């Protein structure tokens, strides 16, 4: 069954006093896009985390939040001396211009933005944290897969229903064609006969038949009907695969193109009404396809 591109999943892993919590959210996107939110010191894990995600998610925007607590999350804090000096210089200038005494402690300054930050952890610390992170990521991915698969199953069922409606309309158009051609032949013959009678001109029956045949050939929609039926068969087959989003998107565009061609070729009112319904259902199909991986 195909997977939906939309879903969320959470994974929690614990080892001793350390805990890793991962939250995943995915939304539609024509390609793969990954972003990770975590403590500054653990951004170095992003390439390995993304590799795990790519094994399970082929398309869509993936947003991950990763939080480590306990011993595995212990990182060194550093003070940005240049930033602190800049704050102190500004404070001295302000105190001097307003005849104020300078504070005896810098404790109040340490909470200002940019003064302290996580120091990059050593590679060994990242390696120790990785098994715990990987376990939490895998659990989040499993939960995400469950949700995406369930939604994908619902989407596939809806698209199969739409495909059946399209097939019914195409079959109706196919049945209507012989009658439409005959009505067009009669109308054309009556029109030609009326014009010739007004001018007192006669035309050989063979010539009339040839002109009618030319008009019928220009308005023939048999090929478009065959292609519509072929596209529907391929659509049904692809709905049984795991990640058919791109080819289904292409097929839905082809279905729309064939419907437009039929509309431009046929002058029959019954076929025109059927094509309007056909295009409406194809548009629904295209919208649903955008949700599939």
C-alpha atoms as a PDB file:
ATOM      1  CA  UNK A   1       0.000   0.000   0.000  1.00  0.00           C
ATOM      2  CA  UNK A   2       1.200   3.566  -0.623  1.00  0.00           C
ATOM      3  CA  UNK A   3       2.228   5.814   2.258  1.00  0.00           C
ATOM      4  CA  UNK A   4       0.870   9.275   2.925  1.00  0.00           C
ATOM      5  CA  UNK A   5       3.442  12.068   3.111  1.00  0.00           C
ATOM      6  CA  UNK A   6       1.687  13.486   6.169  1.00  0.00           C
ATOM      7  CA  UNK A   7       2.161  12.107   9.661  1.00  0.00           C
ATOM      8  CA  UNK A   8       3.818  12.382  13.044  1.00  0.00           C
ATOM      9  CA  UNK A   9       5.582  10.027  15.417  1.00  0.00           C
ATOM     10  CA  UNK A  10       7.316  10.063  18.771  1.00  0.00           C
ATOM     11  CA  UNK A  11      10.097   7.857  20.085  1.00  0.00           C
ATOM     12  CA  UNK A  12      11.609   7.707  23.574  1.00  0.00           C
ATOM     13  CA  UNK A  13      14.674   5.698  24.561  1.00  0.00           C
ATOM     14  CA  UNK A  14      16.257   5.431  28.010  1.00  0.00           C
ATOM     15  CA  UNK A  15      19.624   4.093  29.131  1.00  0.00           C
ATOM     16  CA  UNK A  16      20.552   4.474  32.791  1.00  0.00           C
ATOM     17  CA  UNK A  17      19.994   8.090  33.763  1.00  0.00           C
ATOM     18  CA  UNK A  18      19.941   9.323  30.153  1.00  0.00           C
ATOM     19  CA  UNK A  19      16.805   9.779  28.036  1.00  0.00           C
ATOM     20  CA  UNK A  20      16.370  10.748  24.428  1.00  0.00           C
ATOM     21  CA  UNK A  21      13.028  11.958  23.087  1.00  0.00           C
ATOM     22  CA  UNK A  22      12.445  12.374  19.341  1.00  0.00           C
ATOM     23  CA  UNK A  23       9.401  13.906  17.673  1.00  0.00           C
ATOM     24  CA  UNK A  24       8.850  13.665  13.913  1.00  0.00           C
ATOM     25  CA  UNK A  25       6.431  15.579  11.708  1.00  0.00           C
ATOM     26  CA  UNK A  26       6.122  15.198   7.947  1.00  0.00           C
ATOM     27  CA  UNK A  27       4.208  17.268   5.409  1.00  0.00           C
ATOM     28  CA  UNK A  28       3.880  17.278   1.625  1.00  0.00           C
ATOM     29  CA  UNK A  29       6.806  18.239  -0.574  1.00  0.00           C
ATOM     30  CA  UNK A  30       7.796  17.301  -4.128  1.00  0.00           C
ATOM     31  CA  UNK A  31      11.267  16.303  -2.883  1.00  0.00           C
ATOM     32  CA  UNK A  32      12.944  15.279   0.389  1.00  0.00           C
ATOM     33  CA  UNK A  33      13.735  18.048   2.877  1.00  0.00           C
ATOM     34  CA  UNK A  34      15.016  17.461   6.403  1.00  0.00           C
ATOM     35  CA  UNK A  35      15.462  19.829   9.349  1.00  0.00           C
ATOM     36  CA  UNK A  36      16.609  19.054  12.896  1.00  0.00           C
ATOM     37  CA  UNK A  37      16.022  21.059  16.056  1.00  0.00           C
ATOM     38  CA  UNK A  38      18.263  20.079  18.964  1.00  0.00           C
ATOM     39  CA  UNK A  39      20.727  21.504  21.441  1.00  0.00           C
ATOM     40  CA  UNK A  40      23.603  23.266  19.762  1.00  0.00           C
ATOM     41  CA  UNK A  41      26.114  20.731  20.975  1.00  0.00           C
ATOM     42  CA  UNK A  42      24.392  17.814  19.216  1.00  0.00           C
ATOM     43  CA  UNK A  43      23.946  19.321  15.772  1.00  0.00           C
ATOM     44  CA  UNK A  44      26.902  17.141  14.748  1.00  0.00           C
ATOM     45  CA  UNK A  45      24.586  14.112  14.866  1.00  0.00           C
ATOM     46  CA  UNK A  46      22.371  15.502  12.083  1.00  0.00           C
ATOM     47  CA  UNK A  47      24.022  13.664   9.134  1.00  0.00           C
ATOM     48  CA  UNK A  48      23.618  10.292  10.830  1.00  0.00           C
ATOM     49  CA  UNK A  49      20.047  11.061  11.914  1.00  0.00           C
ATOM     50  CA  UNK A  50      19.135  12.146   8.382  1.00  0.00           C
ATOM     51  CA  UNK A  51      20.573   8.905   6.993  1.00  0.00           C
ATOM     52  CA  UNK A  52      18.213   6.906   9.234  1.00  0.00           C
ATOM     53  CA  UNK A  53      15.234   9.017   8.182  1.00  0.00           C
ATOM     54  CA  UNK A  54      16.017   8.713   4.457  1.00  0.00           C
ATOM     55  CA  UNK A  55      15.857   4.925   4.762  1.00  0.00           C
ATOM     56  CA  UNK A  56      12.160   5.204   5.676  1.00  0.00           C
ATOM     57  CA  UNK A  57      10.995   8.493   4.125  1.00  0.00           C
ATOM     58  CA  UNK A  58      11.549   9.062   0.417  1.00  0.00           C
ATOM     59  CA  UNK A  59       9.645  12.289  -0.173  1.00  0.00           C
ATOM     60  CA  UNK A  60       8.227  15.154   1.884  1.00  0.00           C
ATOM     61  CA  UNK A  61       9.369  17.740   4.420  1.00  0.00           C
ATOM     62  CA  UNK A  62      10.571  16.112   7.644  1.00  0.00           C
ATOM     63  CA  UNK A  63      10.850  18.178  10.828  1.00  0.00           C
ATOM     64  CA  UNK A  64      12.548  16.522  13.784  1.00  0.00           C
ATOM     65  CA  UNK A  65      12.921  17.675  17.374  1.00  0.00           C
ATOM     66  CA  UNK A  66      15.563  15.823  19.387  1.00  0.00           C
ATOM     67  CA  UNK A  67      15.999  16.300  23.138  1.00  0.00           C
ATOM     68  CA  UNK A  68      18.605  14.612  25.335  1.00  0.00           C
ATOM     69  CA  UNK A  69      18.522  14.702  29.119  1.00  0.00           C
ATOM     70  CA  UNK A  70      20.675  13.147  31.801  1.00  0.00           C
ATOM     71  CA  UNK A  71      24.323  12.168  31.631  1.00  0.00           C
ATOM     72  CA  UNK A  72      24.329  11.842  27.826  1.00  0.00           C
ATOM     73  CA  UNK A  73      23.251  15.477  27.487  1.00  0.00           C
ATOM     74  CA  UNK A  74      26.026  16.916  29.648  1.00  0.00           C
ATOM     75  CA  UNK A  75      28.005  19.432  27.622  1.00  0.00           C
ATOM     76  CA  UNK A  76      30.423  22.149  28.580  1.00  0.00           C
ATOM     77  CA  UNK A  77      29.247  25.766  28.644  1.00  0.00           C
ATOM     78  CA  UNK A  78      31.567  28.490  27.413  1.00  0.00           C
ATOM     79  CA  UNK A  79      31.532  32.268  27.818  1.00  0.00           C
ATOM     80  CA  UNK A  80      31.935  34.480  24.774  1.00  0.00           C
ATOM     81  CA  UNK A  81      34.529  36.858  26.170  1.00  0.00           C
ATOM     82  CA  UNK A  82      34.285  39.308  23.262  1.00  0.00           C
ATOM     83  CA  UNK A  83      30.504  39.584  23.614  1.00  0.00           C
ATOM     84  CA  UNK A  84      30.783  40.018  27.393  1.00  0.00           C
ATOM     85  CA  UNK A  85      33.414  42.756  26.928  1.00  0.00           C
ATOM     86  CA  UNK A  86      31.122  44.580  24.498  1.00  0.00           C
ATOM     87  CA  UNK A  87      28.270  44.486  27.018  1.00  0.00           C
ATOM     88  CA  UNK A  88      30.600  45.779  29.768  1.00  0.00           C
ATOM     89  CA  UNK A  89      31.820  48.655  27.593  1.00  0.00           C
ATOM     90  CA  UNK A  90      28.225  49.679  26.863  1.00  0.00           C
ATOM     91  CA  UNK A  91      27.359  49.401  30.555  1.00  0.00           C
ATOM     92  CA  UNK A  92      30.332  51.602  31.549  1.00  0.00           C
ATOM     93  CA  UNK A  93      29.383  54.246  28.982  1.00  0.00           C
ATOM     94  CA  UNK A  94      25.772  54.229  30.171  1.00  0.00           C
ATOM     95  CA  UNK A  95      26.771  54.443  33.866  1.00  0.00           C
ATOM     96  CA  UNK A  96      29.170  57.324  33.197  1.00  0.00           C
ATOM     97  CA  UNK A  97      26.637  59.314  31.153  1.00  0.00           C
ATOM     98  CA  UNK A  98      23.954  58.913  33.826  1.00  0.00           C
ATOM     99  CA  UNK A  99      26.215  59.308  36.877  1.00  0.00           C
ATOM    100  CA  UNK A 100      25.564  55.769  38.069  1.00  0.00           C
ATOM    101  CA  UNK A 101      27.826  53.387  39.956  1.00  0.00           C
ATOM    102  CA  UNK A 102      28.989  50.281  38.131  1.00  0.00           C
ATOM    103  CA  UNK A 103      27.744  46.957  39.563  1.00  0.00           C
ATOM    104  CA  UNK A 104      30.332  44.949  41.452  1.00  0.00           C
ATOM    105  CA  UNK A 105      29.222  41.635  39.914  1.00  0.00           C
ATOM    106  CA  UNK A 106      28.657  40.449  36.335  1.00  0.00           C
ATOM    107  CA  UNK A 107      26.131  37.801  37.371  1.00  0.00           C
ATOM    108  CA  UNK A 108      23.315  39.803  35.810  1.00  0.00           C
ATOM    109  CA  UNK A 109      25.134  39.935  32.485  1.00  0.00           C
ATOM    110  CA  UNK A 110      25.518  36.166  32.135  1.00  0.00           C
ATOM    111  CA  UNK A 111      21.854  35.761  31.242  1.00  0.00           C
ATOM    112  CA  UNK A 112      22.049  38.135  28.283  1.00  0.00           C
ATOM    113  CA  UNK A 113      21.797  36.678  24.753  1.00  0.00           C
ATOM    114  CA  UNK A 114      25.054  35.418  23.299  1.00  0.00           C
ATOM    115  CA  UNK A 115      27.070  35.446  26.528  1.00  0.00           C
ATOM    116  CA  UNK A 116      27.075  31.691  27.132  1.00  0.00           C
ATOM    117  CA  UNK A 117      26.651  28.815  24.695  1.00  0.00           C
ATOM    118  CA  UNK A 118      27.136  25.062  24.517  1.00  0.00           C
ATOM    119  CA  UNK A 119      30.693  24.154  23.696  1.00  0.00           C
ATOM    120  CA  UNK A 120      30.968  21.565  20.905  1.00  0.00           C
ATOM    121  CA  UNK A 121      31.145  18.186  22.629  1.00  0.00           C
ATOM    122  CA  UNK A 122      34.053  15.884  21.996  1.00  0.00           C
ATOM    123  CA  UNK A 123      33.609  13.216  19.339  1.00  0.00           C
ATOM    124  CA  UNK A 124      33.723  10.563  22.034  1.00  0.00           C
ATOM    125  CA  UNK A 125      30.703  12.140  23.766  1.00  0.00           C
ATOM    126  CA  UNK A 126      28.718  12.070  20.527  1.00  0.00           C
ATOM    127  CA  UNK A 127      29.641   8.427  19.972  1.00  0.00           C
ATOM    128  CA  UNK A 128      28.451   7.527  23.473  1.00  0.00           C
ATOM    129  CA  UNK A 129      25.145   9.304  22.890  1.00  0.00           C
ATOM    130  CA  UNK A 130      24.541   7.894  19.397  1.00  0.00           C
ATOM    131  CA  UNK A 131      23.099   4.432  20.300  1.00  0.00           C
ATOM    132  CA  UNK A 132      20.488   6.081  22.535  1.00  0.00           C
ATOM    133  CA  UNK A 133      19.652   8.672  19.854  1.00  0.00           C
ATOM    134  CA  UNK A 134      19.432   6.014  17.125  1.00  0.00           C
ATOM    135  CA  UNK A 135      17.024   3.918  19.215  1.00  0.00           C
ATOM    136  CA  UNK A 136      14.739   6.897  19.830  1.00  0.00           C
ATOM    137  CA  UNK A 137      14.823   7.865  16.131  1.00  0.00           C
ATOM    138  CA  UNK A 138      13.917   4.319  15.048  1.00  0.00           C
ATOM    139  CA  UNK A 139      10.967   4.241  17.452  1.00  0.00           C
ATOM    140  CA  UNK A 140       9.750   7.609  16.187  1.00  0.00           C
ATOM    141  CA  UNK A 141      10.080   6.393  12.588  1.00  0.00           C
ATOM    142  CA  UNK A 142       8.092   3.242  13.411  1.00  0.00           C
ATOM    143  CA  UNK A 143       5.273   5.352  14.875  1.00  0.00           C
ATOM    144  CA  UNK A 144       5.444   7.680  11.873  1.00  0.00           C
ATOM    145  CA  UNK A 145       5.253   4.727   9.462  1.00  0.00           C
ATOM    146  CA  UNK A 146       2.157   3.385  11.200  1.00  0.00           C
ATOM    147  CA  UNK A 147       0.342   6.683  10.861  1.00  0.00           C
ATOM    148  CA  UNK A 148       1.454   7.314   7.268  1.00  0.00           C
ATOM    149  CA  UNK A 149       0.503   3.781   6.221  1.00  0.00           C
ATOM    150  CA  UNK A 150      -2.979   4.077   7.745  1.00  0.00           C
ATOM    151  CA  UNK A 151      -3.613   7.398   6.018  1.00  0.00           C
ATOM    152  CA  UNK A 152      -2.128   6.045   2.782  1.00  0.00           C
ATOM    153  CA  UNK A 153      -4.567   3.138   2.884  1.00  0.00           C
ATOM    154  CA  UNK A 154      -7.483   5.563   3.261  1.00  0.00           C
ATOM    155  CA  UNK A 155      -6.215   7.719   0.398  1.00  0.00           C
ATOM    156  CA  UNK A 156      -5.736   4.672  -1.839  1.00  0.00           C
ATOM    157  CA  UNK A 157      -9.293   3.489  -1.147  1.00  0.00           C
ATOM    158  CA  UNK A 158     -10.662   6.911  -2.045  1.00  0.00           C
ATOM    159  CA  UNK A 159      -8.609   7.057  -5.250  1.00  0.00           C
ATOM    160  CA  UNK A 160      -9.758   3.590  -6.286  1.00  0.00           C
ATOM    161  CA  UNK A 161     -13.338   4.772  -5.836  1.00  0.00           C
ATOM    162  CA  UNK A 162     -12.639   7.825  -8.007  1.00  0.00           C
ATOM    163  CA  UNK A 163     -10.987   5.611 -10.630  1.00  0.00           C
ATOM    164  CA  UNK A 164     -14.134   3.455 -10.776  1.00  0.00           C
ATOM    165  CA  UNK A 165     -16.232   6.583 -11.326  1.00  0.00           C
ATOM    166  CA  UNK A 166     -13.873   7.703 -14.097  1.00  0.00           C
ATOM    167  CA  UNK A 167     -14.011   4.248 -15.708  1.00  0.00           C
ATOM    168  CA  UNK A 168     -17.818   4.387 -15.622  1.00  0.00           C
ATOM    169  CA  UNK A 169     -17.813   7.777 -17.363  1.00  0.00           C
ATOM    170  CA  UNK A 170     -15.299   6.604 -19.978  1.00  0.00           C
ATOM    171  CA  UNK A 171     -17.436   3.531 -20.686  1.00  0.00           C
ATOM    172  CA  UNK A 172     -20.453   5.805 -21.123  1.00  0.00           C
ATOM    173  CA  UNK A 173     -18.545   7.987 -23.572  1.00  0.00           C
ATOM    174  CA  UNK A 174     -17.461   4.909 -25.518  1.00  0.00           C
ATOM    175  CA  UNK A 175     -21.093   3.761 -25.775  1.00  0.00           C
ATOM    176  CA  UNK A 176     -22.175   7.230 -26.825  1.00  0.00           C
ATOM    177  CA  UNK A 177     -19.680   7.583 -29.688  1.00  0.00           C
ATOM    178  CA  UNK A 178     -21.552   5.602 -32.423  1.00  0.00           C
ATOM    179  CA  UNK A 179     -24.773   7.505 -31.733  1.00  0.00           C
ATOM    180  CA  UNK A 180     -22.905  10.829 -31.687  1.00  0.00           C
ATOM    181  CA  UNK A 181     -21.228  10.057 -35.014  1.00  0.00           C
ATOM    182  CA  UNK A 182     -24.561   9.104 -36.624  1.00  0.00           C
ATOM    183  CA  UNK A 183     -26.259  12.263 -35.346  1.00  0.00           C
ATOM    184  CA  UNK A 184     -23.368  14.336 -36.636  1.00  0.00           C
ATOM    185  CA  UNK A 185     -23.618  12.626 -40.029  1.00  0.00           C
ATOM    186  CA  UNK A 186     -27.337  13.343 -40.278  1.00  0.00           C
ATOM    187  CA  UNK A 187     -26.896  16.995 -39.245  1.00  0.00           C
ATOM    188  CA  UNK A 188     -24.073  17.511 -41.712  1.00  0.00           C
ATOM    189  CA  UNK A 189     -25.994  15.857 -44.527  1.00  0.00           C
ATOM    190  CA  UNK A 190     -29.076  17.973 -43.832  1.00  0.00           C
ATOM    191  CA  UNK A 191     -27.037  21.164 -43.708  1.00  0.00           C
ATOM    192  CA  UNK A 192     -25.187  20.434 -46.950  1.00  0.00           C
ATOM    193  CA  UNK A 193     -28.402  19.429 -48.712  1.00  0.00           C
ATOM    194  CA  UNK A 194     -30.129  22.629 -47.566  1.00  0.00           C
ATOM    195  CA  UNK A 195     -27.299  24.863 -48.774  1.00  0.00           C
ATOM    196  CA  UNK A 196     -27.071  23.109 -52.144  1.00  0.00           C
ATOM    197  CA  UNK A 197     -30.848  23.244 -52.638  1.00  0.00           C
ATOM    198  CA  UNK A 198     -30.853  27.002 -52.061  1.00  0.00           C
ATOM    199  CA  UNK A 199     -28.281  27.435 -54.814  1.00  0.00           C
ATOM    200  CA  UNK A 200     -29.778  24.888 -57.181  1.00  0.00           C
ATOM    201  CA  UNK A 201     -26.633  22.790 -57.115  1.00  0.00           C
ATOM    202  CA  UNK A 202     -26.462  19.045 -56.846  1.00  0.00           C
ATOM    203  CA  UNK A 203     -23.621  17.004 -55.331  1.00  0.00           C
ATOM    204  CA  UNK A 204     -22.801  13.372 -55.873  1.00  0.00           C
ATOM    205  CA  UNK A 205     -23.632  11.126 -52.945  1.00  0.00           C
ATOM    206  CA  UNK A 206     -20.052   9.817 -52.935  1.00  0.00           C
ATOM    207  CA  UNK A 207     -18.700  13.344 -52.476  1.00  0.00           C
ATOM    208  CA  UNK A 208     -21.025  13.946 -49.548  1.00  0.00           C
ATOM    209  CA  UNK A 209     -20.007  10.650 -47.982  1.00  0.00           C
ATOM    210  CA  UNK A 210     -16.325  11.547 -48.356  1.00  0.00           C
ATOM    211  CA  UNK A 211     -16.775  14.913 -46.635  1.00  0.00           C
ATOM    212  CA  UNK A 212     -18.713  13.291 -43.817  1.00  0.00           C
ATOM    213  CA  UNK A 213     -15.914  10.734 -43.408  1.00  0.00           C
ATOM    214  CA  UNK A 214     -13.321  13.536 -43.158  1.00  0.00           C
ATOM    215  CA  UNK A 215     -15.315  15.308 -40.476  1.00  0.00           C
ATOM    216  CA  UNK A 216     -15.792  12.053 -38.576  1.00  0.00           C
ATOM    217  CA  UNK A 217     -12.051  11.402 -38.712  1.00  0.00           C
ATOM    218  CA  UNK A 218     -11.237  14.835 -37.269  1.00  0.00           C
ATOM    219  CA  UNK A 219     -13.651  14.292 -34.397  1.00  0.00           C
ATOM    220  CA  UNK A 220     -12.705  10.665 -33.705  1.00  0.00           C
ATOM    221  CA  UNK A 221     -11.923  10.132 -29.979  1.00  0.00           C
ATOM    222  CA  UNK A 222     -11.279   6.383 -30.046  1.00  0.00           C
ATOM    223  CA  UNK A 223      -7.543   6.800 -29.338  1.00  0.00           C
ATOM    224  CA  UNK A 224      -8.187   9.103 -26.381  1.00  0.00           C
ATOM    225  CA  UNK A 225     -10.638   6.608 -24.894  1.00  0.00           C
ATOM    226  CA  UNK A 226      -8.122   3.761 -25.239  1.00  0.00           C
ATOM    227  CA  UNK A 227      -5.419   5.864 -23.542  1.00  0.00           C
ATOM    228  CA  UNK A 228      -7.767   6.830 -20.728  1.00  0.00           C
ATOM    229  CA  UNK A 229      -8.527   3.166 -20.074  1.00  0.00           C
ATOM    230  CA  UNK A 230      -4.818   2.305 -20.213  1.00  0.00           C
ATOM    231  CA  UNK A 231      -3.915   5.095 -17.765  1.00  0.00           C
ATOM    232  CA  UNK A 232      -6.623   3.930 -15.354  1.00  0.00           C
ATOM    233  CA  UNK A 233      -5.267   0.364 -15.453  1.00  0.00           C
ATOM    234  CA  UNK A 234      -1.753   1.628 -14.668  1.00  0.00           C
ATOM    235  CA  UNK A 235      -3.129   3.841 -11.914  1.00  0.00           C
ATOM    236  CA  UNK A 236      -4.809   0.869 -10.232  1.00  0.00           C
ATOM    237  CA  UNK A 237      -1.596  -1.170 -10.458  1.00  0.00           C
ATOM    238  CA  UNK A 238       0.574   1.601  -9.002  1.00  0.00           C
ATOM    239  CA  UNK A 239      -1.773   2.029  -6.038  1.00  0.00           C
ATOM    240  CA  UNK A 240      -0.537  -1.367  -4.874  1.00  0.00           C
ATOM    241  CA  UNK A 241       3.078  -0.134  -4.614  1.00  0.00           C
ATOM    242  CA  UNK A 242       4.737   1.521  -1.633  1.00  0.00           C
ATOM    243  CA  UNK A 243       5.877   4.901  -3.036  1.00  0.00           C
ATOM    244  CA  UNK A 244       3.993   5.602  -6.270  1.00  0.00           C
ATOM    245  CA  UNK A 245       3.484   9.359  -5.791  1.00  0.00           C
ATOM    246  CA  UNK A 246       5.557  10.643  -8.715  1.00  0.00           C
ATOM    247  CA  UNK A 247       4.276   8.237 -11.418  1.00  0.00           C
ATOM    248  CA  UNK A 248       0.698   8.696 -10.189  1.00  0.00           C
ATOM    249  CA  UNK A 249       1.119  12.451 -10.447  1.00  0.00           C
ATOM    250  CA  UNK A 250       2.241  12.000 -14.056  1.00  0.00           C
ATOM    251  CA  UNK A 251      -0.682   9.691 -14.859  1.00  0.00           C
ATOM    252  CA  UNK A 252      -3.216  12.093 -13.362  1.00  0.00           C
ATOM    253  CA  UNK A 253      -1.848  14.832 -15.617  1.00  0.00           C
ATOM    254  CA  UNK A 254      -2.161  12.504 -18.623  1.00  0.00           C
ATOM    255  CA  UNK A 255      -5.752  11.676 -17.692  1.00  0.00           C
ATOM    256  CA  UNK A 256      -6.549  15.388 -17.639  1.00  0.00           C
ATOM    257  CA  UNK A 257      -4.849  15.893 -20.999  1.00  0.00           C
ATOM    258  CA  UNK A 258      -6.885  13.107 -22.663  1.00  0.00           C
ATOM    259  CA  UNK A 259     -10.113  14.510 -21.202  1.00  0.00           C
ATOM    260  CA  UNK A 260      -9.292  17.971 -22.589  1.00  0.00           C
ATOM    261  CA  UNK A 261      -8.598  16.474 -26.024  1.00  0.00           C
ATOM    262  CA  UNK A 262     -11.968  14.694 -26.039  1.00  0.00           C
ATOM    263  CA  UNK A 263     -13.676  17.944 -25.060  1.00  0.00           C
ATOM    264  CA  UNK A 264     -12.017  19.823 -27.930  1.00  0.00           C
ATOM    265  CA  UNK A 265     -12.765  17.122 -30.530  1.00  0.00           C
ATOM    266  CA  UNK A 266     -16.328  16.139 -29.774  1.00  0.00           C
ATOM    267  CA  UNK A 267     -19.307  18.421 -30.475  1.00  0.00           C
ATOM    268  CA  UNK A 268     -21.823  16.022 -28.957  1.00  0.00           C
ATOM    269  CA  UNK A 269     -23.758  17.459 -26.000  1.00  0.00           C
ATOM    270  CA  UNK A 270     -23.970  14.118 -24.160  1.00  0.00           C
ATOM    271  CA  UNK A 271     -20.220  13.554 -24.433  1.00  0.00           C
ATOM    272  CA  UNK A 272     -19.548  17.168 -23.395  1.00  0.00           C
ATOM    273  CA  UNK A 273     -21.570  16.701 -20.193  1.00  0.00           C
ATOM    274  CA  UNK A 274     -19.741  13.443 -19.447  1.00  0.00           C
ATOM    275  CA  UNK A 275     -16.369  15.142 -19.980  1.00  0.00           C
ATOM    276  CA  UNK A 276     -17.262  17.865 -17.462  1.00  0.00           C
ATOM    277  CA  UNK A 277     -17.923  15.184 -14.834  1.00  0.00           C
ATOM    278  CA  UNK A 278     -14.801  13.337 -15.958  1.00  0.00           C
ATOM    279  CA  UNK A 279     -12.562  16.388 -15.495  1.00  0.00           C
ATOM    280  CA  UNK A 280     -14.072  17.062 -12.060  1.00  0.00           C
ATOM    281  CA  UNK A 281     -13.152  13.569 -10.864  1.00  0.00           C
ATOM    282  CA  UNK A 282      -9.682  13.716 -12.412  1.00  0.00           C
ATOM    283  CA  UNK A 283      -9.050  16.967 -10.525  1.00  0.00           C
ATOM    284  CA  UNK A 284     -10.071  15.226  -7.275  1.00  0.00           C
ATOM    285  CA  UNK A 285      -7.668  12.444  -8.160  1.00  0.00           C
ATOM    286  CA  UNK A 286      -4.818  14.880  -8.768  1.00  0.00           C
ATOM    287  CA  UNK A 287      -5.419  16.566  -5.403  1.00  0.00           C
ATOM    288  CA  UNK A 288      -5.282  13.236  -3.559  1.00  0.00           C
ATOM    289  CA  UNK A 289      -2.147  12.135  -5.394  1.00  0.00           C
ATOM    290  CA  UNK A 290      -0.307  15.159  -3.966  1.00  0.00           C
ATOM    291  CA  UNK A 291      -0.628  13.561  -0.513  1.00  0.00           C
ATOM    292  CA  UNK A 292       1.121  10.300  -1.461  1.00  0.00           C
ATOM    293  CA  UNK A 293       4.801   9.582  -1.043  1.00  0.00           C
END
